Amino acid sequence: MSSSPPPGVAPGTDADAGKREHWSGQTAFILAAIGSAVGLGNIWRFPGQAFENGGGAFMIPYLVALVTAGIPILFLEMGIGHRFRGSAPLAMHRVTRRGEWVGWFHVAICFVIGLYYTVIIAWALSYFYFSFGLDYADDPGGFFLGDYLQLGEAGSLTFDVVPGVALPLVLIWGLTILVLALGLHNGVERLNVIGIPLLVVTFGMLAVRAVTLPGAADGIEALFTPDFSALTDPDVWVAAYGQVFFSLSLAYGVMITYASYRRRRSNVTGPALVVAFGNSSFSLLAGLAVFGALGFLATQEGVSVADLEGIGGVSLSFVTFPAVIAQMPAGWFFGALFFASLVLAGLTSLISIMQTISAAFQDKFGWDPRRTAVTVGIVSAILSVIGFSTTTGLYLLDTVDQWSNQLGIVAGAIAMIGAALWIGRRGTELRRHLSAVSTFRLGRSWLVLVNVVALLLVYMFVSKAVSLATEGYADLPTWYVLVFGWGTVAFLALVAVVMPMLRWRRDVEHPDIWPTHEQLELEP
């Protein structure tokens, strides 16, 4: 397929689509997008969310949320990236000159998340090594919090770096910098082409073993037994929409960036559907594996699955699952499989987050991938080690994650919809564009759904902000919440304000990046 510039665009200019890196093909793009979407949250967040919100009945609001919110917003992000051919800040600048700050807000979110997401991958890498000797078998909780993290007092702040955490963390950052420095095709694409199939095989083997363990059926029954009364609880529906939204890597700027690397006449909506349903399928697979293993653990301890502690989040992966592994036949092997899966899932998501930052700096300042990777990577690595590999790193991680995820991402989504549809008034243009280049055509109902989702997001943002402002978080001191919780939001806002003030490396206006609708043979 030709990558020559469209009519009216001079070759060699910023508007020349042929000058932008491209995915080698549709499969590479799909694997990269799935690699971004499938992450640690699929393995430890979805099963817990489903269990706590109606079990099997949760699948109803989850699927409704996927169809009415996840897929429409995914279409929007991919449409923005594909049509306006840039990183999140550049694409949003081209959507409307008043929209660049939205893209930098997304980049700031990626920067913050990258700092602590890397630490969790480092934990998983350490536990991959520990699995061969089952070092954590005797007391999984004590080993994780005491022996490994050397956890200090909650609500305190120290700079006492834990060497056992810092070393794998530096290794993960080194690998990340290397992948980004190699560029889109030789680095990011190759990692996902190798990593995603390997992840599916690795986790698939673990899932097969988990569902064949004694008591696994009880765990799976506990997960999928429906409690239809939960469907009348608004919080269950909000949880479903939140799960779909967060698990698809929406409002990070990732999908805008990844879609910008697709060739001009590439199918967009079809691959988006593959990504959405592929991500959900992996979440269901994770649910089967996790609750099959929990059913086995409950049987071994003579309790019900509901009586087990640590069914979601960090505790599930680093306390509860190690307890399962310790009692499994050939536990060392399946422990290694589980933590290898965490490393692979986390790494492909991390690379997408960091590529979003890298692309933004490349577009803004004209840096090459190597310079950007080294500069951004080293700064991120230093802050990550200093802040999150310390004896109080777990508390900092939990606090920053709460504000960046529950407030930052939701605010970024609202801002993106507002800039693209309300201020830039690009809704019809994006709908026509997606229909013109894709096999799956969008009707006007797509725009209606996106606007309805925006209202839901406003409700989610306000309710969460009020809750955090009035109730605090996890019994942490007020100063701690102000500095590291609300301070995170202040940092996101600061980046969004300051970065648009800096000049672009060249003219980035875009009136002729794409042929007119008539040239694309669109219906009027």
Protein backbone atom coordinates (compact mmCIF):
# COMPACT_ATOMS: atom_id res chain seq x y z
CA MET A 1 0.00 0.00 0.00
CA SER A 2 1.39 3.40 -0.97
CA SER A 3 2.43 5.76 1.78
CA SER A 4 2.64 8.81 -0.52
CA PRO A 5 1.12 12.02 0.83
CA PRO A 6 -2.49 12.89 0.00
CA PRO A 7 -3.41 15.53 -2.60
CA GLY A 8 -2.32 19.05 -1.73
CA VAL A 9 0.43 18.02 0.69
CA ALA A 10 4.07 18.59 -0.19
CA PRO A 11 6.35 15.60 0.37
CA GLY A 12 8.72 16.01 3.30
CA THR A 13 6.46 18.30 5.31
CA ASP A 14 5.11 17.46 8.75
CA ALA A 15 1.78 16.74 7.09
CA ASP A 16 3.32 14.05 4.90
CA ALA A 17 1.88 10.84 6.32
CA GLY A 18 4.67 8.90 4.63
CA LYS A 19 7.21 10.39 7.03
CA ARG A 20 5.53 8.88 10.09
CA GLU A 21 6.49 5.41 11.26
CA HIS A 22 3.97 2.70 10.44
CA TRP A 23 3.06 -0.69 11.79
CA SER A 24 4.19 -3.40 9.39
CA GLY A 25 0.61 -4.60 9.04
CA GLN A 26 -2.78 -4.98 10.64
CA THR A 27 -1.78 -8.00 12.73
CA ALA A 28 1.10 -6.08 14.28
CA PHE A 29 -1.24 -3.21 15.18
CA ILE A 30 -3.84 -5.53 16.70
CA LEU A 31 -1.22 -7.37 18.79
CA ALA A 32 0.24 -4.07 20.01
CA ALA A 33 -3.20 -2.69 20.91
CA ILE A 34 -4.12 -5.93 22.70
CA GLY A 35 -0.75 -5.78 24.45
CA SER A 36 -1.64 -2.35 25.76
CA ALA A 37 -5.15 -3.35 26.83
CA VAL A 38 -4.26 -6.70 28.41
CA GLY A 39 -2.32 -5.91 31.54
CA LEU A 40 -2.09 -6.61 35.24
CA GLY A 41 -5.65 -5.37 35.78
CA ASN A 42 -7.09 -8.19 33.68
CA ILE A 43 -5.52 -10.75 35.96
CA TRP A 44 -6.08 -9.23 39.39
CA ARG A 45 -8.82 -6.61 38.93
CA PHE A 46 -11.51 -8.20 36.78
CA PRO A 47 -12.02 -11.41 38.81
CA GLY A 48 -12.34 -9.45 42.05
CA GLN A 49 -14.71 -6.91 40.51
CA ALA A 50 -16.95 -9.66 39.17
CA PHE A 51 -16.97 -11.60 42.44
CA GLU A 52 -17.85 -8.53 44.51
CA ASN A 53 -20.53 -7.22 42.15
CA GLY A 54 -23.01 -9.99 41.54
CA GLY A 55 -20.86 -12.85 40.28
CA GLY A 56 -22.28 -14.17 37.02
CA ALA A 57 -24.82 -11.36 36.98
CA PHE A 58 -21.91 -8.91 36.63
CA MET A 59 -21.44 -10.17 33.08
CA ILE A 60 -24.66 -8.38 32.08
CA PRO A 61 -23.59 -4.82 33.02
CA TYR A 62 -20.05 -5.64 31.91
CA LEU A 63 -21.15 -6.56 28.37
CA VAL A 64 -23.56 -3.62 28.25
CA ALA A 65 -20.71 -1.33 29.29
CA LEU A 66 -18.39 -2.85 26.71
CA VAL A 67 -20.87 -2.26 23.86
CA THR A 68 -22.19 1.13 24.94
CA ALA A 69 -19.02 2.71 26.32
CA GLY A 70 -15.81 0.75 25.79
CA ILE A 71 -16.13 0.20 22.05
CA PRO A 72 -17.53 3.67 21.21
CA ILE A 73 -14.71 5.44 23.09
CA LEU A 74 -12.17 3.09 21.55
CA PHE A 75 -13.52 4.08 18.11
CA LEU A 76 -13.21 7.74 19.09
CA GLU A 77 -9.60 7.48 20.21
CA MET A 78 -8.53 5.44 17.21
CA GLY A 79 -10.42 7.80 14.92
CA ILE A 80 -8.61 10.84 16.36
CA GLY A 81 -5.21 9.19 16.06
CA HIS A 82 -5.77 7.82 12.58
CA ARG A 83 -7.24 10.95 11.05
CA PHE A 84 -5.02 13.55 12.67
CA ARG A 85 -1.80 11.54 12.44
CA GLY A 86 -0.03 12.39 15.63
CA SER A 87 0.76 11.67 19.24
CA ALA A 88 -1.93 12.59 21.75
CA PRO A 89 -0.88 16.29 22.07
CA LEU A 90 -0.34 16.75 18.31
CA ALA A 91 -3.57 14.98 17.36
CA MET A 92 -5.60 16.98 19.88
CA HIS A 93 -3.92 20.20 18.69
CA ARG A 94 -5.05 19.33 15.19
CA VAL A 95 -8.55 18.56 16.43
CA THR A 96 -8.72 22.07 17.88
CA ARG A 97 -5.98 24.52 18.80
CA ARG A 98 -7.49 24.68 22.26
CA GLY A 99 -7.18 20.92 22.66
CA GLU A 100 -3.43 20.36 22.89
CA TRP A 101 -3.54 20.50 26.70
CA VAL A 102 -5.79 17.43 26.70
CA GLY A 103 -3.09 15.41 24.97
CA TRP A 104 -0.46 16.57 27.47
CA PHE A 105 -2.81 15.68 30.31
CA HIS A 106 -2.88 12.14 28.87
CA VAL A 107 0.91 12.11 28.58
CA ALA A 108 1.23 13.22 32.21
CA ILE A 109 -1.07 10.37 33.28
CA CYS A 110 1.13 7.92 31.37
CA PHE A 111 4.24 9.35 33.03
CA VAL A 112 2.81 8.96 36.53
CA ILE A 113 1.43 5.48 35.89
CA GLY A 114 4.70 4.38 34.32
CA LEU A 115 6.60 5.26 37.50
CA TYR A 116 4.70 2.80 39.68
CA TYR A 117 3.48 0.27 37.11
CA THR A 118 7.11 -0.63 36.50
CA VAL A 119 7.55 -1.46 40.18
CA ILE A 120 4.77 -4.03 40.09
CA ILE A 121 6.42 -5.70 37.09
CA ALA A 122 9.67 -5.72 39.08
CA TRP A 123 7.87 -7.49 41.94
CA ALA A 124 6.57 -10.09 39.48
CA LEU A 125 10.07 -10.58 38.06
CA SER A 126 11.42 -11.15 41.58
CA TYR A 127 8.65 -13.64 42.31
CA PHE A 128 9.38 -15.46 39.06
CA TYR A 129 12.84 -16.09 40.50
CA PHE A 130 11.49 -16.92 43.97
CA SER A 131 9.12 -19.52 42.49
CA PHE A 132 11.92 -21.94 41.63
CA GLY A 133 12.75 -22.28 45.33
CA LEU A 134 9.24 -21.52 46.61
CA ASP A 135 10.84 -18.97 48.93
CA TYR A 136 7.44 -17.51 49.77
CA ALA A 137 5.71 -20.82 50.59
CA ASP A 138 5.83 -20.85 54.39
CA ASP A 139 4.25 -17.44 55.01
CA PRO A 140 3.22 -15.67 51.78
CA GLY A 141 1.90 -12.55 53.52
CA GLY A 142 4.85 -12.17 55.84
CA PHE A 143 7.32 -12.84 53.06
CA PHE A 144 5.83 -10.23 50.71
CA LEU A 145 5.35 -7.41 53.21
CA GLY A 146 8.23 -8.17 55.55
CA ASP A 147 11.04 -10.11 53.91
CA TYR A 148 10.63 -8.70 50.41
CA LEU A 149 9.17 -5.18 50.63
CA GLN A 150 10.44 -4.55 54.19
CA LEU A 151 7.31 -2.44 54.57
CA GLY A 152 7.48 0.53 56.92
CA GLU A 153 4.77 2.46 58.74
CA ALA A 154 1.65 3.51 56.82
CA GLY A 155 1.39 7.22 56.14
CA SER A 156 5.13 7.78 56.50
CA LEU A 157 7.73 8.60 53.88
CA THR A 158 11.25 7.22 53.73
CA PHE A 159 13.96 7.07 51.10
CA ASP A 160 15.34 3.76 52.34
CA VAL A 161 15.70 1.84 49.06
CA VAL A 162 15.14 -1.92 49.23
CA PRO A 163 17.88 -3.51 47.08
CA GLY A 164 15.77 -6.58 46.28
CA VAL A 165 13.13 -4.33 44.72
CA ALA A 166 15.46 -1.76 43.18
CA LEU A 167 17.57 -4.27 41.20
CA PRO A 168 14.74 -5.85 39.15
CA LEU A 169 13.22 -2.38 38.81
CA VAL A 170 16.40 -1.09 37.16
CA LEU A 171 16.41 -4.16 34.88
CA ILE A 172 12.84 -3.47 33.77
CA TRP A 173 13.66 0.17 33.06
CA GLY A 174 16.73 -0.85 31.10
CA LEU A 175 14.68 -3.18 28.93
CA THR A 176 12.01 -0.52 28.45
CA ILE A 177 14.56 2.07 27.32
CA LEU A 178 16.09 -0.44 24.90
CA VAL A 179 12.73 -1.32 23.32
CA LEU A 180 11.75 2.34 22.91
CA ALA A 181 15.18 3.28 21.51
CA LEU A 182 14.85 0.63 18.79
CA GLY A 183 11.81 2.46 17.46
CA LEU A 184 8.29 1.43 16.57
CA HIS A 185 9.00 -1.44 14.20
CA ASN A 186 12.19 -2.95 15.62
CA GLY A 187 11.27 -2.35 19.27
CA VAL A 188 7.61 -1.92 20.18
CA GLU A 189 6.19 -4.07 17.40
CA ARG A 190 8.60 -6.95 17.83
CA LEU A 191 8.05 -7.06 21.57
CA ASN A 192 4.30 -7.41 21.10
CA VAL A 193 4.52 -9.87 18.19
CA ILE A 194 6.59 -12.14 20.42
CA GLY A 195 5.14 -11.26 23.82
CA ILE A 196 1.38 -11.52 23.24
CA PRO A 197 1.35 -15.06 21.75
CA LEU A 198 3.77 -16.12 24.49
CA LEU A 199 1.48 -14.59 27.12
CA VAL A 200 -1.55 -16.45 25.74
CA VAL A 201 0.32 -19.77 25.72
CA THR A 202 1.82 -19.25 29.18
CA PHE A 203 -1.36 -18.12 30.87
CA GLY A 204 -3.39 -20.71 28.95
CA MET A 205 -1.26 -23.49 30.43
CA LEU A 206 -1.77 -22.04 33.89
CA ALA A 207 -5.53 -21.74 33.36
CA VAL A 208 -5.84 -25.37 32.24
CA ARG A 209 -4.02 -26.54 35.35
CA ALA A 210 -6.00 -24.25 37.64
CA VAL A 211 -9.42 -25.46 36.48
CA THR A 212 -8.39 -29.11 36.92
CA LEU A 213 -7.28 -28.72 40.55
CA PRO A 214 -9.40 -30.31 43.31
CA GLY A 215 -12.06 -27.82 44.37
CA ALA A 216 -11.62 -25.66 41.24
CA ALA A 217 -15.27 -26.14 40.34
CA ASP A 218 -16.29 -24.56 43.65
CA GLY A 219 -14.20 -21.50 42.90
CA ILE A 220 -15.58 -21.12 39.39
CA GLU A 221 -19.11 -21.58 40.72
CA ALA A 222 -18.48 -18.85 43.30
CA LEU A 223 -17.36 -16.51 40.53
CA PHE A 224 -20.15 -17.14 38.06
CA THR A 225 -23.17 -17.89 40.28
CA PRO A 226 -25.40 -14.90 39.50
CA ASP A 227 -26.84 -12.59 42.11
CA PHE A 228 -29.40 -10.77 39.98
CA SER A 229 -30.36 -8.48 42.84
CA ALA A 230 -27.02 -6.74 42.24
CA LEU A 231 -28.37 -5.42 38.94
CA THR A 232 -30.54 -2.94 40.82
CA ASP A 233 -27.49 -1.43 42.53
CA PRO A 234 -26.15 1.62 40.61
CA ASP A 235 -22.68 1.03 42.06
CA VAL A 236 -22.49 -2.32 40.27
CA TRP A 237 -23.13 -0.63 36.94
CA VAL A 238 -20.59 2.07 37.69
CA ALA A 239 -18.08 -0.68 38.57
CA ALA A 240 -18.78 -2.42 35.25
CA TYR A 241 -18.28 0.75 33.24
CA GLY A 242 -15.14 1.53 35.21
CA GLN A 243 -13.71 -1.95 34.61
CA VAL A 244 -14.33 -1.78 30.86
CA PHE A 245 -12.98 1.73 30.63
CA PHE A 246 -9.78 1.09 32.53
CA SER A 247 -9.05 -2.33 31.04
CA LEU A 248 -9.09 -1.05 27.44
CA SER A 249 -6.37 1.56 28.10
CA LEU A 250 -8.75 4.39 27.28
CA ALA A 251 -7.98 8.06 28.00
CA TYR A 252 -4.26 7.43 28.37
CA GLY A 253 -3.55 8.68 24.85
CA VAL A 254 -2.25 5.18 24.03
CA MET A 255 -4.85 4.27 21.43
CA ILE A 256 -4.58 7.73 19.81
CA THR A 257 -0.84 7.21 19.48
CA TYR A 258 -1.01 3.62 18.26
CA ALA A 259 -3.71 4.42 15.67
CA SER A 260 -1.60 7.29 14.32
CA TYR A 261 0.95 4.73 13.13
CA ARG A 262 -1.57 2.98 10.89
CA ARG A 263 -1.39 3.64 7.16
CA ARG A 264 -3.83 6.12 5.72
CA ARG A 265 -6.36 3.71 4.27
CA SER A 266 -6.23 1.07 6.98
CA ASN A 267 -9.30 -0.54 8.50
CA VAL A 268 -9.84 0.96 11.94
CA THR A 269 -13.15 -0.19 13.39
CA GLY A 270 -12.67 -3.90 12.62
CA PRO A 271 -9.39 -4.18 14.50
CA ALA A 272 -10.86 -2.09 17.32
CA LEU A 273 -13.57 -4.73 17.78
CA VAL A 274 -10.92 -7.47 17.80
CA VAL A 275 -8.99 -5.59 20.48
CA ALA A 276 -12.10 -4.99 22.61
CA PHE A 277 -13.36 -8.56 22.54
CA GLY A 278 -9.84 -10.03 22.75
CA ASN A 279 -9.24 -8.04 25.93
CA SER A 280 -12.55 -9.18 27.42
CA SER A 281 -11.85 -12.79 26.48
CA PHE A 282 -8.53 -12.68 28.31
CA SER A 283 -10.30 -11.21 31.35
CA LEU A 284 -12.71 -14.16 31.38
CA LEU A 285 -9.79 -16.58 31.01
CA ALA A 286 -8.11 -14.87 33.95
CA GLY A 287 -11.31 -15.19 35.97
CA LEU A 288 -11.42 -18.94 35.34
CA ALA A 289 -7.76 -19.41 36.25
CA VAL A 290 -7.83 -17.24 39.36
CA PHE A 291 -11.05 -18.62 40.82
CA GLY A 292 -10.17 -22.18 39.91
CA ALA A 293 -7.02 -21.70 41.99
CA LEU A 294 -8.96 -19.98 44.78
CA GLY A 295 -11.40 -22.88 44.87
CA PHE A 296 -8.47 -25.24 45.35
CA LEU A 297 -7.08 -23.08 48.17
CA ALA A 298 -10.45 -22.91 49.90
CA THR A 299 -10.77 -26.71 49.71
CA GLN A 300 -7.30 -27.17 51.17
CA GLU A 301 -8.08 -24.81 54.06
CA GLY A 302 -11.59 -26.13 54.63
CA VAL A 303 -13.35 -22.78 54.11
CA SER A 304 -15.57 -21.24 51.45
CA VAL A 305 -14.16 -19.07 48.68
CA ALA A 306 -15.97 -16.06 50.16
CA ASP A 307 -14.03 -16.52 53.40
CA LEU A 308 -10.65 -16.18 51.70
CA GLU A 309 -8.82 -12.89 52.06
CA GLY A 310 -7.06 -11.00 49.30
CA ILE A 311 -9.29 -11.85 46.33
CA GLY A 312 -8.32 -8.75 44.37
CA GLY A 313 -5.43 -6.39 43.67
CA VAL A 314 -1.86 -6.69 44.88
CA SER A 315 -2.77 -9.15 47.63
CA LEU A 316 -4.25 -11.58 45.12
CA SER A 317 -1.07 -11.78 43.06
CA PHE A 318 1.58 -11.63 45.76
CA VAL A 319 -0.07 -13.17 48.83
CA THR A 320 -3.10 -15.29 47.95
CA PHE A 321 -1.80 -16.83 44.73
CA PRO A 322 1.56 -17.74 46.28
CA ALA A 323 -0.43 -19.53 48.99
CA VAL A 324 -2.12 -21.54 46.22
CA ILE A 325 1.18 -22.26 44.52
CA ALA A 326 2.71 -23.49 47.77
CA GLN A 327 0.10 -26.27 47.98
CA MET A 328 -0.05 -27.24 44.31
CA PRO A 329 1.75 -30.27 42.92
CA ALA A 330 4.76 -28.96 40.96
CA GLY A 331 3.98 -25.57 42.45
CA TRP A 332 7.34 -24.11 41.46
CA PHE A 333 6.56 -24.65 37.78
CA PHE A 334 3.09 -23.11 37.87
CA GLY A 335 4.35 -20.31 40.09
CA ALA A 336 6.95 -19.49 37.46
CA LEU A 337 4.22 -19.57 34.78
CA PHE A 338 1.99 -17.23 36.76
CA PHE A 339 4.63 -14.62 37.45
CA ALA A 340 6.03 -14.88 33.94
CA SER A 341 2.51 -14.08 32.74
CA LEU A 342 2.40 -11.04 35.01
CA VAL A 343 5.74 -9.83 33.67
CA LEU A 344 4.66 -10.26 30.03
CA ALA A 345 1.24 -8.66 30.54
CA GLY A 346 2.75 -5.78 32.47
CA LEU A 347 5.64 -5.20 30.10
CA THR A 348 3.52 -4.92 26.93
CA SER A 349 1.23 -2.44 28.70
CA LEU A 350 4.20 -0.48 30.08
CA ILE A 351 5.76 -0.15 26.65
CA SER A 352 2.52 1.29 25.26
CA ILE A 353 2.40 3.82 28.10
CA MET A 354 6.00 4.90 27.56
CA GLN A 355 5.63 4.97 23.76
CA THR A 356 2.79 7.47 24.25
CA ILE A 357 5.20 9.75 26.13
CA SER A 358 8.00 9.16 23.64
CA ALA A 359 5.81 9.97 20.63
CA ALA A 360 4.67 13.22 22.23
CA PHE A 361 8.24 14.45 22.77
CA GLN A 362 9.29 13.35 19.30
CA ASP A 363 6.45 15.34 17.75
CA LYS A 364 6.91 18.39 19.97
CA PHE A 365 10.69 18.77 19.85
CA GLY A 366 11.77 16.73 16.83
CA TRP A 367 13.78 14.24 18.90
CA ASP A 368 14.58 10.80 17.48
CA PRO A 369 13.40 7.62 19.28
CA ARG A 370 16.82 6.93 20.80
CA ARG A 371 17.26 10.36 22.35
CA THR A 372 13.69 10.37 23.62
CA ALA A 373 13.93 6.87 25.10
CA VAL A 374 17.15 7.65 26.96
CA THR A 375 16.00 11.06 28.24
CA VAL A 376 12.50 10.09 29.32
CA GLY A 377 13.55 6.63 30.45
CA ILE A 378 16.40 7.73 32.71
CA VAL A 379 14.32 10.48 34.35
CA SER A 380 11.46 8.04 34.91
CA ALA A 381 13.77 5.32 36.22
CA ILE A 382 15.39 7.62 38.79
CA LEU A 383 12.04 8.87 40.11
CA SER A 384 10.63 5.34 40.11
CA VAL A 385 13.52 3.92 42.14
CA ILE A 386 13.59 6.82 44.60
CA GLY A 387 9.84 6.84 45.19
CA PHE A 388 8.59 3.28 44.80
CA SER A 389 11.40 0.87 45.68
CA THR A 390 11.61 2.16 49.25
CA THR A 391 10.23 0.71 52.46
CA THR A 392 7.14 2.95 52.10
CA GLY A 393 6.78 2.49 48.33
CA LEU A 394 3.65 0.33 48.59
CA TYR A 395 1.69 3.09 50.35
CA LEU A 396 2.85 5.68 47.85
CA LEU A 397 1.94 3.39 44.96
CA ASP A 398 -1.55 2.78 46.28
CA THR A 399 -2.19 6.49 46.87
CA VAL A 400 -0.87 7.75 43.55
CA ASP A 401 -2.73 4.98 41.70
CA GLN A 402 -6.02 5.93 43.37
CA TRP A 403 -5.87 9.56 42.26
CA SER A 404 -4.32 9.05 38.82
CA ASN A 405 -6.66 6.20 37.89
CA GLN A 406 -9.90 7.09 39.59
CA LEU A 407 -9.72 10.84 38.93
CA GLY A 408 -7.03 11.54 36.36
CA ILE A 409 -8.09 9.07 33.69
CA VAL A 410 -11.77 9.91 34.05
CA ALA A 411 -11.02 13.64 33.79
CA GLY A 412 -8.85 12.99 30.74
CA ALA A 413 -11.66 11.10 29.05
CA ILE A 414 -14.18 13.86 29.69
CA ALA A 415 -11.73 16.45 28.37
CA MET A 416 -11.01 14.40 25.24
CA ILE A 417 -14.69 14.01 24.40
CA GLY A 418 -15.32 17.67 25.12
CA ALA A 419 -12.43 18.86 22.95
CA ALA A 420 -13.22 16.57 20.03
CA LEU A 421 -17.01 16.73 19.95
CA TRP A 422 -18.08 19.90 21.76
CA ILE A 423 -15.30 22.41 21.14
CA GLY A 424 -13.71 21.09 17.95
CA ARG A 425 -17.06 19.80 16.62
CA ARG A 426 -15.30 16.93 14.88
CA GLY A 427 -17.93 14.28 15.59
CA THR A 428 -19.41 14.05 12.10
CA GLU A 429 -15.98 14.29 10.49
CA LEU A 430 -14.63 11.43 12.61
CA ARG A 431 -17.72 9.32 12.01
CA ARG A 432 -17.38 9.78 8.26
CA HIS A 433 -13.68 9.12 8.38
CA LEU A 434 -14.04 5.87 10.30
CA SER A 435 -16.81 4.74 7.96
CA ALA A 436 -14.74 5.63 4.89
CA VAL A 437 -11.65 3.64 5.83
CA SER A 438 -13.31 0.71 7.63
CA THR A 439 -15.52 -2.23 6.81
CA PHE A 440 -17.76 -1.49 9.80
CA ARG A 441 -19.63 1.78 9.19
CA LEU A 442 -20.76 3.96 12.07
CA GLY A 443 -24.16 5.57 12.33
CA ARG A 444 -25.20 8.67 14.21
CA SER A 445 -26.02 6.51 17.22
CA TRP A 446 -22.26 6.24 17.83
CA LEU A 447 -22.05 9.95 18.62
CA VAL A 448 -25.10 9.70 20.86
CA LEU A 449 -23.46 6.90 22.85
CA VAL A 450 -20.20 8.84 23.23
CA ASN A 451 -22.06 11.86 24.60
CA VAL A 452 -24.04 9.69 27.03
CA VAL A 453 -20.79 8.09 28.19
CA ALA A 454 -19.40 11.56 28.85
CA LEU A 455 -22.30 12.27 31.21
CA LEU A 456 -21.67 8.99 33.03
CA LEU A 457 -18.00 9.86 33.35
CA VAL A 458 -18.88 13.24 34.84
CA TYR A 459 -20.98 11.45 37.45
CA MET A 460 -18.15 9.00 38.20
CA PHE A 461 -15.62 11.82 38.52
CA VAL A 462 -17.75 13.99 40.80
CA SER A 463 -18.80 11.13 43.08
CA LYS A 464 -15.23 9.86 43.45
CA ALA A 465 -13.79 13.35 43.98
CA VAL A 466 -16.37 14.11 46.67
CA SER A 467 -15.68 10.78 48.36
CA LEU A 468 -11.91 11.32 48.43
CA ALA A 469 -12.28 14.93 49.56
CA THR A 470 -14.68 14.20 52.41
CA GLU A 471 -13.66 10.73 53.55
CA GLY A 472 -9.94 10.66 52.82
CA TYR A 473 -8.30 7.43 51.77
CA ALA A 474 -7.25 4.28 53.63
CA ASP A 475 -6.89 6.07 57.00
CA LEU A 476 -3.84 7.91 55.69
CA PRO A 477 -2.86 11.24 57.34
CA THR A 478 -4.35 14.36 55.77
CA TRP A 479 -0.93 15.75 54.81
CA TYR A 480 -0.07 12.52 53.00
CA VAL A 481 -3.30 12.56 51.00
CA LEU A 482 -2.84 16.23 50.11
CA VAL A 483 0.76 15.85 48.99
CA PHE A 484 0.67 12.53 47.15
CA GLY A 485 -3.04 12.21 46.27
CA TRP A 486 -4.20 15.67 45.33
CA GLY A 487 -0.61 16.54 44.51
CA THR A 488 -0.76 13.96 41.71
CA VAL A 489 -3.78 15.71 40.21
CA ALA A 490 -2.00 19.07 40.54
CA PHE A 491 1.00 17.65 38.66
CA LEU A 492 -1.25 16.43 35.82
CA ALA A 493 -2.83 19.88 35.57
CA LEU A 494 0.56 21.61 35.65
CA VAL A 495 1.90 19.57 32.74
CA ALA A 496 -1.31 20.24 30.78
CA VAL A 497 -0.87 24.00 31.30
CA VAL A 498 2.88 24.36 30.76
CA MET A 499 3.62 22.08 27.81
CA PRO A 500 1.28 23.81 25.30
CA MET A 501 3.17 27.04 26.00
CA LEU A 502 6.30 25.59 24.38
CA ARG A 503 6.63 26.02 20.63
CA TRP A 504 6.32 23.12 18.21
CA ARG A 505 9.39 22.20 16.19
CA ARG A 506 7.69 23.30 12.96
CA ASP A 507 4.34 24.16 11.49
CA VAL A 508 1.91 21.45 12.57
CA GLU A 509 -1.28 22.74 11.00
CA HIS A 510 -3.07 20.07 9.07
CA PRO A 511 -5.80 21.25 6.69
CA ASP A 512 -4.72 18.90 3.90
CA ILE A 513 -3.45 15.88 5.79
CA TRP A 514 -6.35 13.90 4.41
CA PRO A 515 -8.24 14.12 1.13
CA THR A 516 -11.65 15.76 1.29
CA HIS A 517 -14.69 13.64 2.06
CA GLU A 518 -15.60 13.76 -1.62
CA GLN A 519 -12.17 12.40 -2.56
CA LEU A 520 -12.72 9.60 -0.07
CA GLU A 521 -16.00 8.91 -1.87
CA LEU A 522 -18.07 9.54 1.21
CA GLU A 523 -21.78 9.88 1.11
CA PRO A 524 -22.89 13.49 1.72
